[in-house]
PDB file of all heavy atoms in Angstrom:
ATOM      1  N   LEU A   1     116.951 117.919  91.126  1.00  0.00           N
ATOM      2  CA  LEU A   1     117.709 119.067  91.729  1.00  0.00           C
ATOM      3  C   LEU A   1     117.044 119.637  92.987  1.00  0.00           C
ATOM      4  O   LEU A   1     116.765 120.900  92.996  1.00  0.00           O
ATOM      5  CB  LEU A   1     118.036 119.936  90.609  1.00  0.00           C
ATOM      6  CG  LEU A   1     118.994 119.531  89.584  1.00  0.00           C
ATOM      7  CD1 LEU A   1     119.009 120.633  88.441  1.00  0.00           C
ATOM      8  CD2 LEU A   1     120.401 119.331  90.213  1.00  0.00           C
ATOM      9  N   GLN A   2     116.447 118.811  93.817  1.00  0.00           N
ATOM     10  CA  GLN A   2     115.849 119.375  94.977  1.00  0.00           C
ATOM     11  C   GLN A   2     115.964 118.271  96.083  1.00  0.00           C
ATOM     12  O   GLN A   2     115.863 117.018  95.839  1.00  0.00           O
ATOM     13  CB  GLN A   2     114.341 119.705  94.699  1.00  0.00           C
ATOM     14  CG  GLN A   2     113.470 118.549  94.221  1.00  0.00           C
ATOM     15  CD  GLN A   2     112.126 118.994  93.781  1.00  0.00           C
ATOM     16  OE1 GLN A   2     111.789 120.188  93.861  1.00  0.00           O
ATOM     17  NE2 GLN A   2     111.273 118.134  93.585  1.00  0.00           N
ATOM     18  N   SER A   3     116.001 118.748  97.254  1.00  0.00           N
ATOM     19  CA  SER A   3     115.930 117.784  98.398  1.00  0.00           C
ATOM     20  C   SER A   3     114.615 117.354  98.703  1.00  0.00           C
ATOM     21  O   SER A   3     113.650 118.133  98.969  1.00  0.00           O
ATOM     22  CB  SER A   3     116.647 118.520  99.582  1.00  0.00           C
ATOM     23  OG  SER A   3     117.971 118.690  99.420  1.00  0.00           O
ATOM     24  N   THR A   4     114.357 116.074  98.790  1.00  0.00           N
ATOM     25  CA  THR A   4     113.096 115.522  99.137  1.00  0.00           C
ATOM     26  C   THR A   4     113.218 114.350 100.032  1.00  0.00           C
ATOM     27  O   THR A   4     113.847 113.282  99.604  1.00  0.00           O
ATOM     28  CB  THR A   4     112.327 115.110  97.832  1.00  0.00           C
ATOM     29  OG1 THR A   4     113.195 114.246  97.132  1.00  0.00           O
ATOM     30  CG2 THR A   4     111.926 116.205  96.914  1.00  0.00           C
ATOM     31  N   ASP A   5     112.588 114.415 101.319  1.00  0.00           N
ATOM     32  CA  ASP A   5     112.642 113.370 102.134  1.00  0.00           C
ATOM     33  C   ASP A   5     111.693 112.364 101.534  1.00  0.00           C
ATOM     34  O   ASP A   5     110.505 112.726 101.140  1.00  0.00           O
ATOM     35  CB  ASP A   5     112.221 113.751 103.518  1.00  0.00           C
ATOM     36  CG  ASP A   5     113.292 114.599 104.137  1.00  0.00           C
ATOM     37  OD1 ASP A   5     114.477 114.429 103.797  1.00  0.00           O
ATOM     38  OD2 ASP A   5     112.998 115.517 105.021  1.00  0.00           O
ATOM     39  N   ASP A   6     111.963 111.064 101.673  1.00  0.00           N
ATOM     40  CA  ASP A   6     110.959 110.077 101.334  1.00  0.00           C
ATOM     41  C   ASP A   6     110.587 109.109 102.532  1.00  0.00           C
ATOM     42  O   ASP A   6     111.094 109.382 103.624  1.00  0.00           O
ATOM     43  CB  ASP A   6     111.514 109.110 100.175  1.00  0.00           C
ATOM     44  CG  ASP A   6     110.562 108.585  99.271  1.00  0.00           C
ATOM     45  OD1 ASP A   6     109.452 108.295  99.698  1.00  0.00           O
ATOM     46  OD2 ASP A   6     110.821 108.459  98.062  1.00  0.00           O
ATOM     47  N   ILE A   7     109.881 107.958 102.254  1.00  0.00           N
ATOM     48  CA  ILE A   7     109.496 107.224 103.404  1.00  0.00           C
ATOM     49  C   ILE A   7     110.557 106.263 103.920  1.00  0.00           C
ATOM     50  O   ILE A   7     110.354 105.793 104.919  1.00  0.00           O
ATOM     51  CB  ILE A   7     108.249 106.396 102.968  1.00  0.00           C
ATOM     52  CG1 ILE A   7     108.583 105.427 101.959  1.00  0.00           C
ATOM     53  CG2 ILE A   7     107.070 107.259 102.505  1.00  0.00           C
ATOM     54  CD1 ILE A   7     107.517 104.393 101.586  1.00  0.00           C
ATOM     55  N   LEU A   8     111.625 106.203 103.133  1.00  0.00           N
ATOM     56  CA  LEU A   8     112.776 105.309 103.647  1.00  0.00           C
ATOM     57  C   LEU A   8     113.671 106.102 104.646  1.00  0.00           C
ATOM     58  O   LEU A   8     114.262 107.196 104.287  1.00  0.00           O
ATOM     59  CB  LEU A   8     113.585 104.800 102.414  1.00  0.00           C
ATOM     60  CG  LEU A   8     112.885 103.965 101.442  1.00  0.00           C
ATOM     61  CD1 LEU A   8     113.845 103.568 100.338  1.00  0.00           C
ATOM     62  CD2 LEU A   8     112.333 102.668 102.080  1.00  0.00           C
ATOM     63  N   ASP A   9     113.845 105.611 105.683  1.00  0.00           N
ATOM     64  CA  ASP A   9     114.639 106.247 106.765  1.00  0.00           C
ATOM     65  C   ASP A   9     115.986 105.673 106.936  1.00  0.00           C
ATOM     66  O   ASP A   9     116.248 104.584 107.471  1.00  0.00           O
ATOM     67  CB  ASP A   9     113.925 106.063 108.161  1.00  0.00           C
ATOM     68  CG  ASP A   9     114.790 106.912 109.286  1.00  0.00           C
ATOM     69  OD1 ASP A   9     115.758 107.490 108.977  1.00  0.00           O
ATOM     70  OD2 ASP A   9     114.170 106.838 110.432  1.00  0.00           O
ATOM     71  N   GLN A  10     116.970 106.190 106.105  1.00  0.00           N
ATOM     72  CA  GLN A  10     118.328 105.699 106.061  1.00  0.00           C
ATOM     73  C   GLN A  10     119.252 106.859 105.822  1.00  0.00           C
ATOM     74  O   GLN A  10     118.902 107.788 105.252  1.00  0.00           O
ATOM     75  CB  GLN A  10     118.422 104.541 105.010  1.00  0.00           C
ATOM     76  CG  GLN A  10     118.136 105.097 103.584  1.00  0.00           C
ATOM     77  CD  GLN A  10     118.075 103.881 102.651  1.00  0.00           C
ATOM     78  OE1 GLN A  10     118.645 102.790 102.780  1.00  0.00           O
ATOM     79  NE2 GLN A  10     117.539 104.131 101.443  1.00  0.00           N
ATOM     80  N   ASP A  11     120.518 106.667 106.208  1.00  0.00           N
ATOM     81  CA  ASP A  11     121.555 107.848 106.108  1.00  0.00           C
ATOM     82  C   ASP A  11     122.081 107.740 104.615  1.00  0.00           C
ATOM     83  O   ASP A  11     122.933 106.839 104.419  1.00  0.00           O
ATOM     84  CB  ASP A  11     122.550 107.632 107.123  1.00  0.00           C
ATOM     85  CG  ASP A  11     122.043 107.725 108.572  1.00  0.00           C
ATOM     86  OD1 ASP A  11     121.101 108.500 108.702  1.00  0.00           O
ATOM     87  OD2 ASP A  11     122.660 107.075 109.477  1.00  0.00           O
ATOM     88  N   ILE A  12     121.770 108.683 103.874  1.00  0.00           N
ATOM     89  CA  ILE A  12     122.192 108.757 102.503  1.00  0.00           C
ATOM     90  C   ILE A  12     123.698 108.968 102.302  1.00  0.00           C
ATOM     91  O   ILE A  12     124.306 108.311 101.490  1.00  0.00           O
ATOM     92  CB  ILE A  12     121.458 109.831 101.638  1.00  0.00           C
ATOM     93  CG1 ILE A  12     120.001 109.539 101.812  1.00  0.00           C
ATOM     94  CG2 ILE A  12     121.964 109.871 100.205  1.00  0.00           C
ATOM     95  CD1 ILE A  12     119.724 108.265 101.106  1.00  0.00           C
ATOM     96  N   ASP A  13     124.269 109.701 103.228  1.00  0.00           N
ATOM     97  CA  ASP A  13     125.702 109.886 103.164  1.00  0.00           C
ATOM     98  C   ASP A  13     126.483 108.558 103.432  1.00  0.00           C
ATOM     99  O   ASP A  13     127.707 108.473 103.099  1.00  0.00           O
ATOM    100  CB  ASP A  13     126.213 110.819 104.256  1.00  0.00           C
ATOM    101  CG  ASP A  13     125.828 110.724 105.609  1.00  0.00           C
ATOM    102  OD1 ASP A  13     124.823 109.813 105.796  1.00  0.00           O
ATOM    103  OD2 ASP A  13     126.475 111.092 106.525  1.00  0.00           O
ATOM    104  N   GLN A  14     125.786 107.609 104.085  1.00  0.00           N
ATOM    105  CA  GLN A  14     126.438 106.332 104.383  1.00  0.00           C
ATOM    106  C   GLN A  14     126.164 105.347 103.232  1.00  0.00           C
ATOM    107  O   GLN A  14     127.010 104.543 102.973  1.00  0.00           O
ATOM    108  CB  GLN A  14     125.885 105.669 105.684  1.00  0.00           C
ATOM    109  CG  GLN A  14     126.200 106.557 106.889  1.00  0.00           C
ATOM    110  CD  GLN A  14     127.707 106.601 107.198  1.00  0.00           C
ATOM    111  OE1 GLN A  14     128.334 105.553 107.158  1.00  0.00           O
ATOM    112  NE2 GLN A  14     128.121 107.687 107.501  1.00  0.00           N
ATOM    113  N   VAL A  15     125.005 105.366 102.535  1.00  0.00           N
ATOM    114  CA  VAL A  15     124.653 104.450 101.572  1.00  0.00           C
ATOM    115  C   VAL A  15     124.584 104.920 100.211  1.00  0.00           C
ATOM    116  O   VAL A  15     124.398 104.083  99.267  1.00  0.00           O
ATOM    117  CB  VAL A  15     123.377 103.768 101.901  1.00  0.00           C
ATOM    118  CG1 VAL A  15     123.393 103.183 103.368  1.00  0.00           C
ATOM    119  CG2 VAL A  15     122.177 104.715 101.898  1.00  0.00           C
ATOM    120  N   GLY A  16     124.839 106.068 100.017  1.00  0.00           N
ATOM    121  CA  GLY A  16     124.579 106.764  98.647  1.00  0.00           C
ATOM    122  C   GLY A  16     125.509 106.167  97.571  1.00  0.00           C
ATOM    123  O   GLY A  16     124.997 105.765  96.445  1.00  0.00           O
ATOM    124  N   THR A  17     126.774 106.037  97.902  1.00  0.00           N
ATOM    125  CA  THR A  17     127.754 105.493  96.972  1.00  0.00           C
ATOM    126  C   THR A  17     127.446 103.934  96.678  1.00  0.00           C
ATOM    127  O   THR A  17     127.541 103.487  95.585  1.00  0.00           O
ATOM    128  CB  THR A  17     129.232 105.579  97.543  1.00  0.00           C
ATOM    129  OG1 THR A  17     129.445 106.879  97.817  1.00  0.00           O
ATOM    130  CG2 THR A  17     130.119 105.036  96.544  1.00  0.00           C
ATOM    131  N   SER A  18     127.066 103.346  97.710  1.00  0.00           N
ATOM    132  CA  SER A  18     126.625 101.840  97.520  1.00  0.00           C
ATOM    133  C   SER A  18     125.415 101.726  96.549  1.00  0.00           C
ATOM    134  O   SER A  18     125.398 100.810  95.757  1.00  0.00           O
ATOM    135  CB  SER A  18     126.285 101.136  98.783  1.00  0.00           C
ATOM    136  OG  SER A  18     127.455 101.098  99.745  1.00  0.00           O
ATOM    137  N   ILE A  19     124.577 102.612  96.631  1.00  0.00           N
ATOM    138  CA  ILE A  19     123.301 102.552  95.733  1.00  0.00           C
ATOM    139  C   ILE A  19     123.785 102.756  94.331  1.00  0.00           C
ATOM    140  O   ILE A  19     123.360 102.129  93.429  1.00  0.00           O
ATOM    141  CB  ILE A  19     122.309 103.628  96.114  1.00  0.00           C
ATOM    142  CG1 ILE A  19     121.588 103.231  97.521  1.00  0.00           C
ATOM    143  CG2 ILE A  19     121.160 103.747  95.092  1.00  0.00           C
ATOM    144  CD1 ILE A  19     120.742 104.400  98.104  1.00  0.00           C
ATOM    145  N   LEU A  20     124.650 103.792  94.196  1.00  0.00           N
ATOM    146  CA  LEU A  20     125.032 103.989  92.637  1.00  0.00           C
ATOM    147  C   LEU A  20     125.860 102.766  92.194  1.00  0.00           C
ATOM    148  O   LEU A  20     125.960 102.475  91.121  1.00  0.00           O
ATOM    149  CB  LEU A  20     125.818 105.394  92.640  1.00  0.00           C
ATOM    150  CG  LEU A  20     125.111 106.523  92.960  1.00  0.00           C
ATOM    151  CD1 LEU A  20     125.886 107.779  92.647  1.00  0.00           C
ATOM    152  CD2 LEU A  20     123.691 106.618  92.252  1.00  0.00           C
ATOM    153  N   ASN A  21     126.844 102.325  93.100  1.00  0.00           N
ATOM    154  CA  ASN A  21     127.622 101.225  92.741  1.00  0.00           C
ATOM    155  C   ASN A  21     126.821 100.013  92.416  1.00  0.00           C
ATOM    156  O   ASN A  21     127.067  99.200  91.455  1.00  0.00           O
ATOM    157  CB  ASN A  21     128.519 100.763  93.892  1.00  0.00           C
ATOM    158  CG  ASN A  21     129.708 101.721  93.936  1.00  0.00           C
ATOM    159  OD1 ASN A  21     130.526 101.666  94.887  1.00  0.00           O
ATOM    160  ND2 ASN A  21     129.862 102.663  93.061  1.00  0.00           N
ATOM    161  N   TYR A  22     125.764  99.714  93.214  1.00  0.00           N
ATOM    162  CA  TYR A  22     124.826  98.509  93.091  1.00  0.00           C
ATOM    163  C   TYR A  22     124.217  98.678  91.544  1.00  0.00           C
ATOM    164  O   TYR A  22     124.186  97.630  90.928  1.00  0.00           O
ATOM    165  CB  TYR A  22     123.759  98.519  94.073  1.00  0.00           C
ATOM    166  CG  TYR A  22     122.799  97.466  93.933  1.00  0.00           C
ATOM    167  CD1 TYR A  22     123.064  96.179  94.224  1.00  0.00           C
ATOM    168  CD2 TYR A  22     121.522  97.815  93.249  1.00  0.00           C
ATOM    169  CE1 TYR A  22     122.088  95.131  94.184  1.00  0.00           C
ATOM    170  CE2 TYR A  22     120.569  96.722  93.010  1.00  0.00           C
ATOM    171  CZ  TYR A  22     120.869  95.481  93.457  1.00  0.00           C
ATOM    172  OH  TYR A  22     119.893  94.589  93.288  1.00  0.00           O
ATOM    173  N   TYR A  23     123.846  99.872  91.270  1.00  0.00           N
ATOM    174  CA  TYR A  23     123.200  99.943  89.811  1.00  0.00           C
ATOM    175  C   TYR A  23     124.197 100.406  88.639  1.00  0.00           C
ATOM    176  O   TYR A  23     123.793 100.511  87.654  1.00  0.00           O
ATOM    177  CB  TYR A  23     122.141 101.072  89.965  1.00  0.00           C
ATOM    178  CG  TYR A  23     120.737 100.690  90.613  1.00  0.00           C
ATOM    179  CD1 TYR A  23     120.424 101.067  91.834  1.00  0.00           C
ATOM    180  CD2 TYR A  23     120.036  99.764  90.090  1.00  0.00           C
ATOM    181  CE1 TYR A  23     119.426 100.701  92.584  1.00  0.00           C
ATOM    182  CE2 TYR A  23     118.800  99.312  90.646  1.00  0.00           C
ATOM    183  CZ  TYR A  23     118.511  99.936  91.999  1.00  0.00           C
ATOM    184  OH  TYR A  23     117.322  99.452  92.563  1.00  0.00           O
ATOM    185  N   ASN A  24     125.483 100.203  89.097  1.00  0.00           N
ATOM    186  CA  ASN A  24     126.656 100.395  88.131  1.00  0.00           C
ATOM    187  C   ASN A  24     126.484 101.709  87.425  1.00  0.00           C
ATOM    188  O   ASN A  24     126.716 101.805  86.233  1.00  0.00           O
ATOM    189  CB  ASN A  24     126.512  99.307  87.083  1.00  0.00           C
ATOM    190  CG  ASN A  24     127.725  99.100  86.349  1.00  0.00           C
ATOM    191  OD1 ASN A  24     128.917  99.404  86.793  1.00  0.00           O
ATOM    192  ND2 ASN A  24     127.770  98.528  85.185  1.00  0.00           N
ATOM    193  N   ILE A  25     126.205 102.792  88.286  1.00  0.00           N
ATOM    194  CA  ILE A  25     126.205 104.233  87.686  1.00  0.00           C
ATOM    195  C   ILE A  25     127.605 104.764  88.029  1.00  0.00           C
ATOM    196  O   ILE A  25     127.977 105.061  89.269  1.00  0.00           O
ATOM    197  CB  ILE A  25     125.108 104.941  88.430  1.00  0.00           C
ATOM    198  CG1 ILE A  25     123.712 104.431  88.116  1.00  0.00           C
ATOM    199  CG2 ILE A  25     125.115 106.448  88.025  1.00  0.00           C
ATOM    200  CD1 ILE A  25     122.570 104.945  88.998  1.00  0.00           C
ATOM    201  N   SER A  26     128.425 104.933  87.004  1.00  0.00           N
ATOM    202  CA  SER A  26     129.814 105.157  87.180  1.00  0.00           C
ATOM    203  C   SER A  26     130.086 106.658  87.146  1.00  0.00           C
ATOM    204  O   SER A  26     131.073 107.178  87.622  1.00  0.00           O
ATOM    205  CB  SER A  26     130.741 104.495  86.251  1.00  0.00           C
ATOM    206  OG  SER A  26     130.693 103.074  86.412  1.00  0.00           O
ATOM    207  N   TYR A  27     129.284 107.505  86.404  1.00  0.00           N
ATOM    208  CA  TYR A  27     129.544 108.817  86.226  1.00  0.00           C
ATOM    209  C   TYR A  27     128.222 109.685  86.440  1.00  0.00           C
ATOM    210  O   TYR A  27     127.162 109.298  86.037  1.00  0.00           O
ATOM    211  CB  TYR A  27     130.087 109.048  84.765  1.00  0.00           C
ATOM    212  CG  TYR A  27     131.492 108.589  84.586  1.00  0.00           C
ATOM    213  CD1 TYR A  27     131.694 107.373  84.013  1.00  0.00           C
ATOM    214  CD2 TYR A  27     132.587 109.321  84.976  1.00  0.00           C
ATOM    215  CE1 TYR A  27     132.942 106.814  83.706  1.00  0.00           C
ATOM    216  CE2 TYR A  27     133.926 108.888  84.702  1.00  0.00           C
ATOM    217  CZ  TYR A  27     134.135 107.525  84.148  1.00  0.00           C
ATOM    218  OH  TYR A  27     135.301 107.016  83.899  1.00  0.00           O
TER     219      TYR A  27
END
């Protein structure tokens, strides 16, 4: 529950859903 920038430079709003889908996180 906190915003933390990490070393990966990518647009989370573009790939966030794909990351959860990839790991089969449905809810």
